[in-house]
C-alpha atoms as a PDB file:
ATOM      1  CA  MET A   1     101.967 -62.779  -4.339  1.00  0.00           C
ATOM      2  CA  SER A   2     100.551 -59.814  -6.196  1.00  0.00           C
ATOM      3  CA  VAL A   3      99.073 -56.742  -4.506  1.00  0.00           C
ATOM      4  CA  LEU A   4      95.609 -57.324  -6.011  1.00  0.00           C
ATOM      5  CA  SER A   5      95.236 -60.664  -4.330  1.00  0.00           C
ATOM      6  CA  SER A   6      96.382 -59.521  -0.911  1.00  0.00           C
ATOM      7  CA  PRO A   7      93.955 -60.112   2.052  1.00  0.00           C
ATOM      8  CA  SER A   8      93.848 -56.396   2.892  1.00  0.00           C
ATOM      9  CA  VAL A   9      92.526 -55.521  -0.574  1.00  0.00           C
ATOM     10  CA  LYS A  10      89.812 -58.196  -0.365  1.00  0.00           C
ATOM     11  CA  LEU A  11      88.794 -56.883   3.078  1.00  0.00           C
ATOM     12  CA  ASN A  12      88.476 -53.345   1.732  1.00  0.00           C
ATOM     13  CA  LYS A  13      86.192 -54.570  -1.080  1.00  0.00           C
ATOM     14  CA  ARG A  14      83.936 -56.362   1.383  1.00  0.00           C
ATOM     15  CA  ALA A  15      83.806 -53.271   3.594  1.00  0.00           C
ATOM     16  CA  LYS A  16      82.793 -51.063   0.676  1.00  0.00           C
ATOM     17  CA  ILE A  17      80.065 -53.526  -0.330  1.00  0.00           C
ATOM     18  CA  MET A  18      78.709 -53.589   3.233  1.00  0.00           C
ATOM     19  CA  VAL A  19      78.795 -49.791   3.487  1.00  0.00           C
ATOM     20  CA  GLY A  20      76.927 -49.481   0.164  1.00  0.00           C
ATOM     21  CA  PHE A  21      74.346 -52.016   1.303  1.00  0.00           C
ATOM     22  CA  MET A  22      73.773 -50.163   4.589  1.00  0.00           C
ATOM     23  CA  ILE A  23      73.416 -46.831   2.779  1.00  0.00           C
ATOM     24  CA  ALA A  24      70.861 -48.348   0.390  1.00  0.00           C
ATOM     25  CA  LEU A  25      69.020 -49.981   3.281  1.00  0.00           C
ATOM     26  CA  PHE A  26      68.440 -46.650   5.023  1.00  0.00           C
ATOM     27  CA  THR A  27      68.239 -44.363   1.985  1.00  0.00           C
ATOM     28  CA  ILE A  28      65.585 -46.178  -0.073  1.00  0.00           C
ATOM     29  CA  PRO A  29      62.830 -45.942   2.598  1.00  0.00           C
ATOM     30  CA  ILE A  30      63.612 -42.254   3.087  1.00  0.00           C
ATOM     31  CA  ILE A  31      63.338 -41.627  -0.649  1.00  0.00           C
ATOM     32  CA  VAL A  32      60.066 -43.553  -0.860  1.00  0.00           C
ATOM     33  CA  PHE A  33      58.613 -41.679   2.129  1.00  0.00           C
ATOM     34  CA  MET A  34      59.626 -38.292   0.713  1.00  0.00           C
ATOM     35  CA  SER A  35      58.135 -39.219  -2.664  1.00  0.00           C
ATOM     36  CA  ILE A  36      54.795 -40.158  -1.100  1.00  0.00           C
ATOM     37  CA  ALA A  37      54.800 -37.010   1.013  1.00  0.00           C
ATOM     38  CA  LEU A  38      55.538 -34.824  -1.986  1.00  0.00           C
ATOM     39  CA  GLN A  39      52.770 -36.491  -3.982  1.00  0.00           C
ATOM     40  CA  GLY A  40      50.333 -35.904  -1.160  1.00  0.00           C
ATOM     41  CA  PHE A  41      51.399 -32.267  -0.887  1.00  0.00           C
ATOM     42  CA  ALA A  42      51.124 -31.745  -4.617  1.00  0.00           C
ATOM     43  CA  GLY A  43      47.647 -33.297  -4.638  1.00  0.00           C
ATOM     44  CA  GLY A  44      46.454 -31.225  -1.682  1.00  0.00           C
ATOM     45  CA  ASN A  45      45.944 -34.308   0.506  1.00  0.00           C
ATOM     46  CA  THR A  46      46.010 -32.961   4.033  1.00  0.00           C
ATOM     47  CA  GLY A  47      44.439 -36.003   5.658  1.00  0.00           C
ATOM     48  CA  LYS A  48      41.339 -33.947   6.533  1.00  0.00           C
ATOM     49  CA  GLU A  49      39.117 -34.841   3.579  1.00  0.00           C
ATOM     50  CA  PRO A  50      35.914 -36.589   4.745  1.00  0.00           C
ATOM     51  CA  GLN A  51      35.702 -40.228   3.675  1.00  0.00           C
ATOM     52  CA  ASP A  52      32.678 -42.573   3.638  1.00  0.00           C
ATOM     53  CA  VAL A  53      30.151 -39.828   4.413  1.00  0.00           C
ATOM     54  CA  VAL A  54      26.752 -41.286   5.328  1.00  0.00           C
ATOM     55  CA  ALA A  55      23.528 -40.340   7.135  1.00  0.00           C
ATOM     56  CA  THR A  56      22.648 -42.999   9.718  1.00  0.00           C
ATOM     57  CA  ARG A  57      20.045 -43.579  12.419  1.00  0.00           C
ATOM     58  CA  VAL A  58      17.526 -41.453  10.515  1.00  0.00           C
ATOM     59  CA  SER A  59      14.189 -41.119  12.328  1.00  0.00           C
ATOM     60  CA  LYS A  60      11.237 -38.763  11.980  1.00  0.00           C
ATOM     61  CA  SER A  61      13.048 -35.975  13.855  1.00  0.00           C
ATOM     62  CA  GLU A  62      16.748 -36.913  14.089  1.00  0.00           C
ATOM     63  CA  ALA A  63      19.686 -38.137  11.997  1.00  0.00           C
ATOM     64  CA  THR A  64      23.401 -38.751  12.510  1.00  0.00           C
ATOM     65  CA  ILE A  65      25.987 -37.688   9.907  1.00  0.00           C
ATOM     66  CA  ALA A  66      29.070 -39.937  10.074  1.00  0.00           C
ATOM     67  CA  TRP A  67      32.416 -39.868   8.240  1.00  0.00           C
ATOM     68  CA  ALA A  68      36.124 -40.553   8.761  1.00  0.00           C
ATOM     69  CA  THR A  69      39.328 -38.532   8.297  1.00  0.00           C
ATOM     70  CA  ALA A  70      42.977 -39.583   8.247  1.00  0.00           C
ATOM     71  CA  GLY A  71      43.876 -36.973  10.874  1.00  0.00           C
ATOM     72  CA  ASN A  72      42.288 -35.564  14.007  1.00  0.00           C
ATOM     73  CA  VAL A  73      40.131 -32.578  13.028  1.00  0.00           C
ATOM     74  CA  ALA A  74      36.883 -30.864  14.047  1.00  0.00           C
ATOM     75  CA  ALA A  75      34.275 -29.904  11.477  1.00  0.00           C
ATOM     76  CA  THR A  76      30.783 -28.446  11.140  1.00  0.00           C
ATOM     77  CA  VAL A  77      27.787 -29.971   9.360  1.00  0.00           C
ATOM     78  CA  GLU A  78      25.817 -27.304   7.489  1.00  0.00           C
ATOM     79  CA  TYR A  79      22.306 -28.355   6.491  1.00  0.00           C
ATOM     80  CA  GLY A  80      18.878 -27.142   5.403  1.00  0.00           C
ATOM     81  CA  THR A  81      15.748 -28.088   3.468  1.00  0.00           C
ATOM     82  CA  THR A  82      16.939 -26.551   0.197  1.00  0.00           C
ATOM     83  CA  PRO A  83      20.320 -27.195  -1.481  1.00  0.00           C
ATOM     84  CA  GLY A  84      21.017 -23.492  -1.942  1.00  0.00           C
ATOM     85  CA  SER A  85      20.348 -22.486   1.671  1.00  0.00           C
ATOM     86  CA  LEU A  86      22.266 -24.553   4.218  1.00  0.00           C
ATOM     87  CA  GLN A  87      21.653 -22.150   7.088  1.00  0.00           C
ATOM     88  CA  ILE A  88      21.559 -24.548  10.070  1.00  0.00           C
ATOM     89  CA  TYR A  89      24.840 -25.596  11.695  1.00  0.00           C
ATOM     90  CA  ALA A  90      25.893 -28.524  13.883  1.00  0.00           C
ATOM     91  CA  PRO A  91      29.562 -28.121  14.959  1.00  0.00           C
ATOM     92  CA  GLU A  92      31.833 -30.738  16.522  1.00  0.00           C
ATOM     93  CA  VAL A  93      33.288 -29.847  19.911  1.00  0.00           C
ATOM     94  CA  ILE A  94      36.348 -32.152  19.793  1.00  0.00           C
ATOM     95  CA  THR A  95      38.919 -33.211  17.202  1.00  0.00           C
ATOM     96  CA  THR A  96      38.722 -36.845  16.101  1.00  0.00           C
ATOM     97  CA  LYS A  97      39.235 -39.256  13.190  1.00  0.00           C
ATOM     98  CA  GLU A  98      35.853 -40.987  13.534  1.00  0.00           C
ATOM     99  CA  HIS A  99      33.124 -38.361  13.240  1.00  0.00           C
ATOM    100  CA  GLU A 100      29.455 -38.526  14.261  1.00  0.00           C
ATOM    101  CA  VAL A 101      27.318 -35.381  14.395  1.00  0.00           C
ATOM    102  CA  GLU A 102      23.698 -35.628  15.556  1.00  0.00           C
ATOM    103  CA  LEU A 103      21.064 -33.441  13.892  1.00  0.00           C
ATOM    104  CA  THR A 104      17.932 -32.948  15.991  1.00  0.00           C
ATOM    105  CA  LEU A 105      14.568 -31.167  15.828  1.00  0.00           C
ATOM    106  CA  LEU A 106      14.105 -32.217  12.217  1.00  0.00           C
ATOM    107  CA  SER A 107      10.720 -32.221  10.498  1.00  0.00           C
ATOM    108  CA  PRO A 108       9.140 -35.567   9.555  1.00  0.00           C
ATOM    109  CA  ALA A 109       8.968 -36.688   5.920  1.00  0.00           C
ATOM    110  CA  THR A 110      11.387 -33.948   4.832  1.00  0.00           C
ATOM    111  CA  THR A 111      14.445 -34.098   2.581  1.00  0.00           C
ATOM    112  CA  TYR A 112      17.503 -32.382   4.070  1.00  0.00           C
ATOM    113  CA  TYR A 113      20.647 -31.286   2.247  1.00  0.00           C
ATOM    114  CA  TYR A 114      24.038 -31.078   3.970  1.00  0.00           C
ATOM    115  CA  GLN A 115      27.741 -30.464   3.510  1.00  0.00           C
ATOM    116  CA  ILE A 116      30.807 -30.571   5.790  1.00  0.00           C
ATOM    117  CA  ARG A 117      32.882 -27.477   6.522  1.00  0.00           C
ATOM    118  CA  MET A 118      36.412 -27.419   7.954  1.00  0.00           C
ATOM    119  CA  LYS A 119      37.512 -23.840   8.596  1.00  0.00           C
ATOM    120  CA  ASP A 120      37.243 -22.084   5.212  1.00  0.00           C
ATOM    121  CA  LYS A 121      36.823 -25.202   3.053  1.00  0.00           C
ATOM    122  CA  THR A 122      33.597 -27.101   2.335  1.00  0.00           C
ATOM    123  CA  TYR A 123      33.221 -30.719   1.244  1.00  0.00           C
ATOM    124  CA  ASN A 124      30.203 -32.152  -0.540  1.00  0.00           C
ATOM    125  CA  ASN A 125      29.113 -34.822  -3.025  1.00  0.00           C
ATOM    126  CA  ASN A 126      31.036 -33.775  -6.156  1.00  0.00           C
ATOM    127  CA  GLY A 127      29.743 -30.210  -6.136  1.00  0.00           C
ATOM    128  CA  VAL A 128      26.260 -30.817  -4.700  1.00  0.00           C
ATOM    129  CA  PRO A 129      25.141 -31.400  -1.105  1.00  0.00           C
ATOM    130  CA  TRP A 130      24.540 -34.869   0.293  1.00  0.00           C
ATOM    131  CA  THR A 131      20.909 -35.647   1.174  1.00  0.00           C
ATOM    132  CA  PHE A 132      18.750 -37.744   3.455  1.00  0.00           C
ATOM    133  CA  THR A 133      15.002 -37.876   4.095  1.00  0.00           C
ATOM    134  CA  THR A 134      13.438 -38.188   7.536  1.00  0.00           C
ATOM    135  CA  LYS A 135      10.747 -40.775   8.224  1.00  0.00           C
ATOM    136  CA  THR A 136       7.050 -40.068   8.525  1.00  0.00           C
ATOM    137  CA  THR A 137       5.373 -39.343  11.858  1.00  0.00           C
ATOM    138  CA  SER A 138       4.474 -43.030  12.075  1.00  0.00           C
ATOM    139  CA  GLY A 139       8.121 -44.027  11.610  1.00  0.00           C
ATOM    140  CA  GLU A 140       7.806 -45.274   8.031  1.00  0.00           C
ATOM    141  CA  GLU A 141      10.071 -44.535   5.092  1.00  0.00           C
ATOM    142  CA  VAL A 142       8.865 -41.678   2.924  1.00  0.00           C
ATOM    143  CA  VAL A 143       7.219 -42.598  -0.378  1.00  0.00           C
ATOM    144  CA  ALA A 144       6.484 -40.351  -3.314  1.00  0.00           C
ATOM    145  CA  ALA A 145       2.867 -39.889  -2.249  1.00  0.00           C
ATOM    146  CA  VAL A 146       3.902 -38.464   1.092  1.00  0.00           C
ATOM    147  CA  LYS A 147       6.307 -35.976  -0.486  1.00  0.00           C
ATOM    148  CA  GLY A 148       3.438 -34.557  -2.513  1.00  0.00           C
ATOM    149  CA  ALA A 149       0.927 -34.445   0.336  1.00  0.00           C
ATOM    150  CA  THR A 150      -0.692 -31.198   1.385  1.00  0.00           C
ATOM    151  CA  THR A 151      -1.995 -30.174   4.777  1.00  0.00           C
ATOM    152  CA  LYS A 152      -4.833 -32.162   6.265  1.00  0.00           C
ATOM    153  CA  LEU A 153      -7.312 -29.484   5.212  1.00  0.00           C
ATOM    154  CA  SER A 154      -6.580 -30.199   1.569  1.00  0.00           C
ATOM    155  CA  VAL A 155      -9.642 -30.996  -0.499  1.00  0.00           C
ATOM    156  CA  ALA A 156      -9.431 -32.889  -3.785  1.00  0.00           C
ATOM    157  CA  PRO A 157     -12.264 -31.426  -5.937  1.00  0.00           C
ATOM    158  CA  SER A 158     -14.653 -34.029  -7.296  1.00  0.00           C
ATOM    159  CA  ALA A 159     -15.956 -34.050 -10.859  1.00  0.00           C
ATOM    160  CA  THR A 160     -19.263 -32.620  -9.651  1.00  0.00           C
ATOM    161  CA  PRO A 161     -18.694 -30.829  -6.334  1.00  0.00           C
ATOM    162  CA  THR A 162     -21.625 -30.361  -4.038  1.00  0.00           C
ATOM    163  CA  PRO A 163     -21.765 -26.817  -2.685  1.00  0.00           C
ATOM    164  CA  LYS A 164     -22.203 -26.476   1.052  1.00  0.00           C
ATOM    165  CA  LEU A 165     -23.203 -22.854   1.052  1.00  0.00           C
ATOM    166  CA  GLY A 166     -26.564 -21.637   2.195  1.00  0.00           C
ATOM    167  CA  THR A 167     -26.940 -24.325   4.858  1.00  0.00           C
ATOM    168  CA  GLY A 168     -26.270 -24.623   8.557  1.00  0.00           C
ATOM    169  CA  ASP A 169     -24.290 -21.822  10.168  1.00  0.00           C
ATOM    170  CA  CYS A 170     -22.806 -20.585   6.904  1.00  0.00           C
ATOM    171  CA  ASP A 171     -25.722 -19.033   5.033  1.00  0.00           C
ATOM    172  CA  VAL A 172     -23.517 -16.736   2.910  1.00  0.00           C
ATOM    173  CA  THR A 173     -22.664 -16.467  -0.768  1.00  0.00           C
ATOM    174  CA  GLU A 174     -19.911 -13.860  -1.007  1.00  0.00           C
ATOM    175  CA  CYS A 175     -16.259 -14.982  -0.932  1.00  0.00           C
ATOM    176  CA  SER A 176     -15.347 -12.361   1.657  1.00  0.00           C
ATOM    177  CA  GLU A 177     -18.104 -13.635   3.932  1.00  0.00           C
ATOM    178  CA  ILE A 178     -17.050 -17.239   3.433  1.00  0.00           C
ATOM    179  CA  LYS A 179     -13.459 -16.383   4.354  1.00  0.00           C
ATOM    180  CA  ALA A 180     -14.597 -14.528   7.461  1.00  0.00           C
ATOM    181  CA  ASN A 181     -16.690 -17.535   8.538  1.00  0.00           C
ATOM    182  CA  LEU A 182     -14.052 -20.223   8.049  1.00  0.00           C
ATOM    183  CA  GLY A 183     -14.018 -22.295  11.225  1.00  0.00           C
ATOM    184  CA  LYS A 184     -17.491 -21.040  12.179  1.00  0.00           C
ATOM    185  CA  GLY A 185     -19.581 -23.279   9.965  1.00  0.00           C
ATOM    186  CA  CYS A 186     -17.792 -22.857   6.620  1.00  0.00           C
ATOM    187  CA  SER A 187     -15.245 -25.494   5.624  1.00  0.00           C
ATOM    188  CA  ALA A 188     -12.042 -25.126   3.608  1.00  0.00           C
ATOM    189  CA  SER A 189     -13.778 -26.752   0.624  1.00  0.00           C
ATOM    190  CA  ASP A 190     -16.313 -23.907   0.637  1.00  0.00           C
ATOM    191  CA  TYR A 191     -13.497 -21.400   0.376  1.00  0.00           C
ATOM    192  CA  ILE A 192     -11.803 -23.322  -2.448  1.00  0.00           C
ATOM    193  CA  GLN A 193     -15.018 -23.523  -4.443  1.00  0.00           C
ATOM    194  CA  CYS A 194     -15.594 -19.834  -3.899  1.00  0.00           C
ATOM    195  CA  LEU A 195     -12.125 -19.002  -5.204  1.00  0.00           C
ATOM    196  CA  ALA A 196     -12.810 -21.187  -8.236  1.00  0.00           C
ATOM    197  CA  VAL A 197     -15.584 -18.898  -9.438  1.00  0.00           C
ATOM    198  CA  LEU A 198     -13.884 -15.564  -8.731  1.00  0.00           C
ATOM    199  CA  GLY A 199     -14.191 -13.317 -11.758  1.00  0.00           C
ATOM    200  CA  THR A 200     -17.592 -14.616 -12.786  1.00  0.00           C
ATOM    201  CA  THR A 201     -20.628 -12.326 -12.820  1.00  0.00           C
ATOM    202  CA  SER A 202     -22.138 -13.987  -9.791  1.00  0.00           C
ATOM    203  CA  THR A 203     -20.934 -15.721  -6.669  1.00  0.00           C
ATOM    204  CA  SER A 204     -24.277 -17.195  -5.766  1.00  0.00           C
ATOM    205  CA  SER A 205     -24.802 -20.749  -4.551  1.00  0.00           C
ATOM    206  CA  ALA A 206     -25.883 -21.735  -8.067  1.00  0.00           C
ATOM    207  CA  SER A 207     -22.611 -20.568  -9.583  1.00  0.00           C
ATOM    208  CA  LEU A 208     -20.710 -22.677  -7.074  1.00  0.00           C
ATOM    209  CA  SER A 209     -22.182 -25.816  -8.578  1.00  0.00           C
ATOM    210  CA  LYS A 210     -19.931 -25.385 -11.614  1.00  0.00           C
ATOM    211  CA  THR A 211     -16.900 -27.634 -11.891  1.00  0.00           C
ATOM    212  CA  PRO A 212     -14.121 -25.698 -10.102  1.00  0.00           C
ATOM    213  CA  THR A 213     -10.767 -24.898 -11.635  1.00  0.00           C
ATOM    214  CA  PRO A 214      -8.913 -23.390  -8.667  1.00  0.00           C
ATOM    215  CA  THR A 215      -5.669 -21.565  -9.340  1.00  0.00           C
ATOM    216  CA  LEU A 216      -4.458 -21.807  -5.726  1.00  0.00           C
ATOM    217  CA  SER A 217      -3.777 -24.974  -3.756  1.00  0.00           C
ATOM    218  CA  SER A 218      -5.642 -25.576  -0.509  1.00  0.00           C
ATOM    219  CA  THR A 219      -2.271 -25.653   1.249  1.00  0.00           C
ATOM    220  CA  TYR A 220      -1.576 -22.116   0.114  1.00  0.00           C
ATOM    221  CA  ILE A 221      -5.049 -20.972   1.112  1.00  0.00           C
ATOM    222  CA  THR A 222      -4.830 -22.487   4.584  1.00  0.00           C
ATOM    223  CA  ASN A 223      -1.266 -21.324   5.213  1.00  0.00           C
ATOM    224  CA  SER A 224      -2.053 -17.775   4.116  1.00  0.00           C
ATOM    225  CA  ALA A 225      -5.210 -17.541   6.195  1.00  0.00           C
ATOM    226  CA  CYS A 226      -3.419 -18.862   9.283  1.00  0.00           C
ATOM    227  CA  LYS A 227      -0.159 -16.923   9.069  1.00  0.00           C
ATOM    228  CA  LEU A 228       1.299 -15.348  12.202  1.00  0.00           C
ATOM    229  CA  ASN A 229       1.068 -11.563  12.406  1.00  0.00           C
ATOM    230  CA  TYR A 230       3.859 -10.457  14.723  1.00  0.00           C
ATOM    231  CA  LEU A 231       6.996 -11.504  16.631  1.00  0.00           C
ATOM    232  CA  GLN A 232       8.219  -9.375  19.523  1.00  0.00           C
ATOM    233  CA  VAL A 233      10.943  -9.399  22.168  1.00  0.00           C
ATOM    234  CA  GLY A 234      10.860  -8.842  25.933  1.00  0.00           C
ATOM    235  CA  ASN A 235      13.000  -9.213  29.063  1.00  0.00           C
ATOM    236  CA  ASN A 236      16.091  -7.738  27.372  1.00  0.00           C
ATOM    237  CA  CYS A 237      15.994 -10.022  24.302  1.00  0.00           C
ATOM    238  CA  THR A 238      15.751 -13.369  26.161  1.00  0.00           C
ATOM    239  CA  GLN A 239      11.961 -13.745  25.861  1.00  0.00           C
ATOM    240  CA  TRP A 240      10.265 -13.852  22.452  1.00  0.00           C
ATOM    241  CA  SER A 241       6.517 -14.045  21.826  1.00  0.00           C
ATOM    242  CA  TRP A 242       4.054 -14.039  18.942  1.00  0.00           C
ATOM    243  CA  ASP A 243       0.277 -14.081  18.364  1.00  0.00           C
ATOM    244  CA  SER A 244      -1.261 -17.289  19.696  1.00  0.00           C
ATOM    245  CA  PHE A 245      -3.269 -19.696  17.559  1.00  0.00           C
ATOM    246  CA  ASN A 246      -6.031 -19.345  20.158  1.00  0.00           C
ATOM    247  CA  THR A 247      -6.879 -16.176  18.245  1.00  0.00           C
ATOM    248  CA  LYS A 248      -7.088 -18.032  14.918  1.00  0.00           C
ATOM    249  CA  SER A 249     -10.033 -19.848  13.364  1.00  0.00           C
ATOM    250  CA  LEU A 250     -10.923 -23.452  14.121  1.00  0.00           C
ATOM    251  CA  SER A 251      -9.578 -24.442  10.696  1.00  0.00           C
ATOM    252  CA  CYS A 252      -6.147 -23.066  11.632  1.00  0.00           C
ATOM    253  CA  ARG A 253      -6.161 -24.758  15.011  1.00  0.00           C
ATOM    254  CA  ASN A 254      -7.152 -28.063  13.403  1.00  0.00           C
ATOM    255  CA  THR A 255      -4.429 -27.834  10.766  1.00  0.00           C
ATOM    256  CA  PHE A 256      -1.291 -26.756  12.606  1.00  0.00           C
ATOM    257  CA  ASN A 257      -0.122 -28.402  15.822  1.00  0.00           C
ATOM    258  CA  ARG A 258       3.251 -26.873  16.682  1.00  0.00           C
ATOM    259  CA  TYR A 259       5.469 -23.805  16.422  1.00  0.00           C
ATOM    260  CA  VAL A 260       9.081 -23.897  15.228  1.00  0.00           C
ATOM    261  CA  VAL A 261      11.246 -21.174  16.765  1.00  0.00           C
ATOM    262  CA  GLN A 262      14.825 -20.309  15.739  1.00  0.00           C
ATOM    263  CA  CYS A 263      17.076 -17.572  17.168  1.00  0.00           C
ATOM    264  CA  ARG A 264      20.755 -16.883  16.417  1.00  0.00           C
ATOM    265  CA  ASP A 265      23.313 -14.095  15.967  1.00  0.00           C
ATOM    266  CA  LYS A 266      23.283 -14.281  12.162  1.00  0.00           C
ATOM    267  CA  SER A 267      20.561 -13.075   9.821  1.00  0.00           C
ATOM    268  CA  PHE A 268      18.551 -15.849   8.165  1.00  0.00           C
ATOM    269  CA  THR A 269      19.045 -14.112   4.821  1.00  0.00           C
ATOM    270  CA  SER A 270      22.810 -13.678   5.250  1.00  0.00           C
ATOM    271  CA  THR A 271      25.098 -15.100   2.573  1.00  0.00           C
ATOM    272  CA  ASN A 272      28.255 -14.712   4.675  1.00  0.00           C
ATOM    273  CA  SER A 273      29.598 -18.277   4.817  1.00  0.00           C
ATOM    274  CA  GLU A 274      32.617 -17.268   6.916  1.00  0.00           C
ATOM    275  CA  HIS A 275      30.515 -16.450   9.980  1.00  0.00           C
ATOM    276  CA  LEU A 276      29.228 -19.583  11.712  1.00  0.00           C
ATOM    277  CA  ALA A 277      26.064 -18.677  13.574  1.00  0.00           C
ATOM    278  CA  THR A 278      25.732 -18.991  17.338  1.00  0.00           C
ATOM    279  CA  TRP A 279      22.322 -20.496  18.129  1.00  0.00           C
ATOM    280  CA  TYR A 280      20.319 -19.213  21.105  1.00  0.00           C
ATOM    281  CA  TYR A 281      17.191 -21.274  20.385  1.00  0.00           C
ATOM    282  CA  ASN A 282      16.275 -23.913  17.809  1.00  0.00           C
ATOM    283  CA  GLY A 283      13.272 -25.992  18.730  1.00  0.00           C
ATOM    284  CA  ALA A 284       9.635 -26.928  18.285  1.00  0.00           C
ATOM    285  CA  LEU A 285       6.786 -26.221  20.717  1.00  0.00           C
ATOM    286  CA  GLY A 286       4.099 -28.901  20.631  1.00  0.00           C
ATOM    287  CA  ASP A 287       1.531 -26.863  22.563  1.00  0.00           C
ATOM    288  CA  ILE A 288      -0.136 -24.644  19.986  1.00  0.00           C
ATOM    289  CA  ALA A 289      -1.630 -22.536  22.803  1.00  0.00           C
ATOM    290  CA  THR A 290       1.885 -21.546  23.916  1.00  0.00           C
ATOM    291  CA  ASN A 291       3.056 -18.391  22.184  1.00  0.00           C
ATOM    292  CA  SER A 292       6.424 -17.579  23.789  1.00  0.00           C
ATOM    293  CA  ALA A 293       9.924 -19.030  24.133  1.00  0.00           C
ATOM    294  CA  THR A 294      12.888 -18.227  26.381  1.00  0.00           C
ATOM    295  CA  LEU A 295      16.346 -18.373  24.811  1.00  0.00           C
ATOM    296  CA  THR A 296      18.369 -21.361  26.013  1.00  0.00           C
ATOM    297  CA  LYS A 297      21.581 -19.296  25.797  1.00  0.00           C
ATOM    298  CA  VAL A 298      21.806 -15.667  26.954  1.00  0.00           C
ATOM    299  CA  PRO A 299      23.356 -13.371  24.295  1.00  0.00           C
ATOM    300  CA  ALA A 300      26.113 -10.960  25.298  1.00  0.00           C
ATOM    301  CA  SER A 301      25.352  -7.264  25.587  1.00  0.00           C
ATOM    302  CA  GLY A 302      25.507  -5.540  22.205  1.00  0.00           C
ATOM    303  CA  THR A 303      24.701  -8.748  20.284  1.00  0.00           C
ATOM    304  CA  THR A 304      22.003  -8.561  17.637  1.00  0.00           C
ATOM    305  CA  VAL A 305      19.689 -11.568  17.898  1.00  0.00           C
ATOM    306  CA  TYR A 306      17.722 -12.696  14.839  1.00  0.00           C
ATOM    307  CA  CYS A 307      14.588 -14.774  15.489  1.00  0.00           C
ATOM    308  CA  GLN A 308      11.950 -16.385  13.289  1.00  0.00           C
ATOM    309  CA  VAL A 309       8.829 -18.445  14.026  1.00  0.00           C
ATOM    310  CA  ARG A 310       6.214 -20.326  12.020  1.00  0.00           C
ATOM    311  CA  ALA A 311       3.458 -22.916  12.585  1.00  0.00           C
ATOM    312  CA  GLU A 312       3.694 -26.438  11.116  1.00  0.00           C
ATOM    313  CA  ASP A 313       1.332 -29.371  10.693  1.00  0.00           C
ATOM    314  CA  SER A 314       2.132 -32.995  11.599  1.00  0.00           C
ATOM    315  CA  ILE A 315       4.254 -33.463   8.461  1.00  0.00           C
ATOM    316  CA  GLY A 316       6.210 -30.222   8.683  1.00  0.00           C
ATOM    317  CA  GLY A 317       8.649 -28.642   6.261  1.00  0.00           C
ATOM    318  CA  ASP A 318       8.247 -25.734   3.859  1.00  0.00           C
ATOM    319  CA  GLY A 319       5.153 -27.238   2.179  1.00  0.00           C
ATOM    320  CA  HIS A 320       3.335 -27.836   5.451  1.00  0.00           C
ATOM    321  CA  SER A 321       3.765 -24.608   7.391  1.00  0.00           C
ATOM    322  CA  THR A 322       2.869 -20.961   7.538  1.00  0.00           C
ATOM    323  CA  ALA A 323       5.364 -18.391   6.289  1.00  0.00           C
ATOM    324  CA  TRP A 324       8.261 -17.477   8.570  1.00  0.00           C
ATOM    325  CA  ILE A 325       7.801 -14.231  10.501  1.00  0.00           C
ATOM    326  CA  GLN A 326      11.139 -12.658  11.427  1.00  0.00           C
ATOM    327  CA  GLN A 327      12.398 -10.011  13.845  1.00  0.00           C
ATOM    328  CA  ASN A 328      15.765  -8.900  15.249  1.00  0.00           C
ATOM    329  CA  TYR A 329      16.835  -7.007  18.345  1.00  0.00           C
ATOM    330  CA  THR A 330      20.156  -5.711  19.737  1.00  0.00           C
ATOM    331  CA  CYS A 331      20.556  -6.754  23.365  1.00  0.00           C
ATOM    332  CA  GLN A 332      21.287  -3.990  25.871  1.00  0.00           C
END
């Protein structure tokens, strides 16, 4: 019998085949796993990228931003009413894979823009913020007509407007007098018609019968006439107050029905994206006679608090409000 056909040689061959099979069985999965891991590393896939981002449960004043991640992380939703100024923040307090962040105190019939930040990296919709639009005050979906609406004092000029001057409690003809009497017998339409003939040789009642071509919208007129004049601090920066609408004209009181007050430790004009603001107050006051707010969180000594306040009508948003009035104070 030759050596090549001996039983010991055949046994060695089988052993080598088994050893090779076992090595392949354990090595191939390791190679595949390392290949996938290297591809993920090379592509920057950390398992933290938001997936399936969506705004849900949108109402007239609230919305929920939901998304998923492969790993447990905590993030912050940055949002605002303009895509270039996402200055309001809603941070998560726990790490999770299934994310839901509630946004509250939103204005009705308003389009909001938002992005998701994780530490120093932001995620958005291919370079632009995601968006959603809140419902109207009656709970309906916003239509194009609502987006273009003005405040409820808006007056659409007719082809042949009928002047109201010289009658009732508003027997005046000068624009300055009309403005001073708004809410005391003169209506917003009187003021608009008066502005329409500025620059003519006469501002008499007869001249107001001309077809108006106003250069300013009634929203702008009303908002400018009703703007707040001051914002001040008291009680070591925890109490903030402003001039009450009880001091404004009837037109102002009939147009705007709430204040929006915001206070935080970051300037509202700051472009520093690395500093996430700490909010001390962010809410709306439905009683227009109320002209003060107490911070819901007490700032530490030495902290500079930045506050702003404005009045809004029932629709709200930048097109339906007075201008922001801002103030800051360093707590003692």
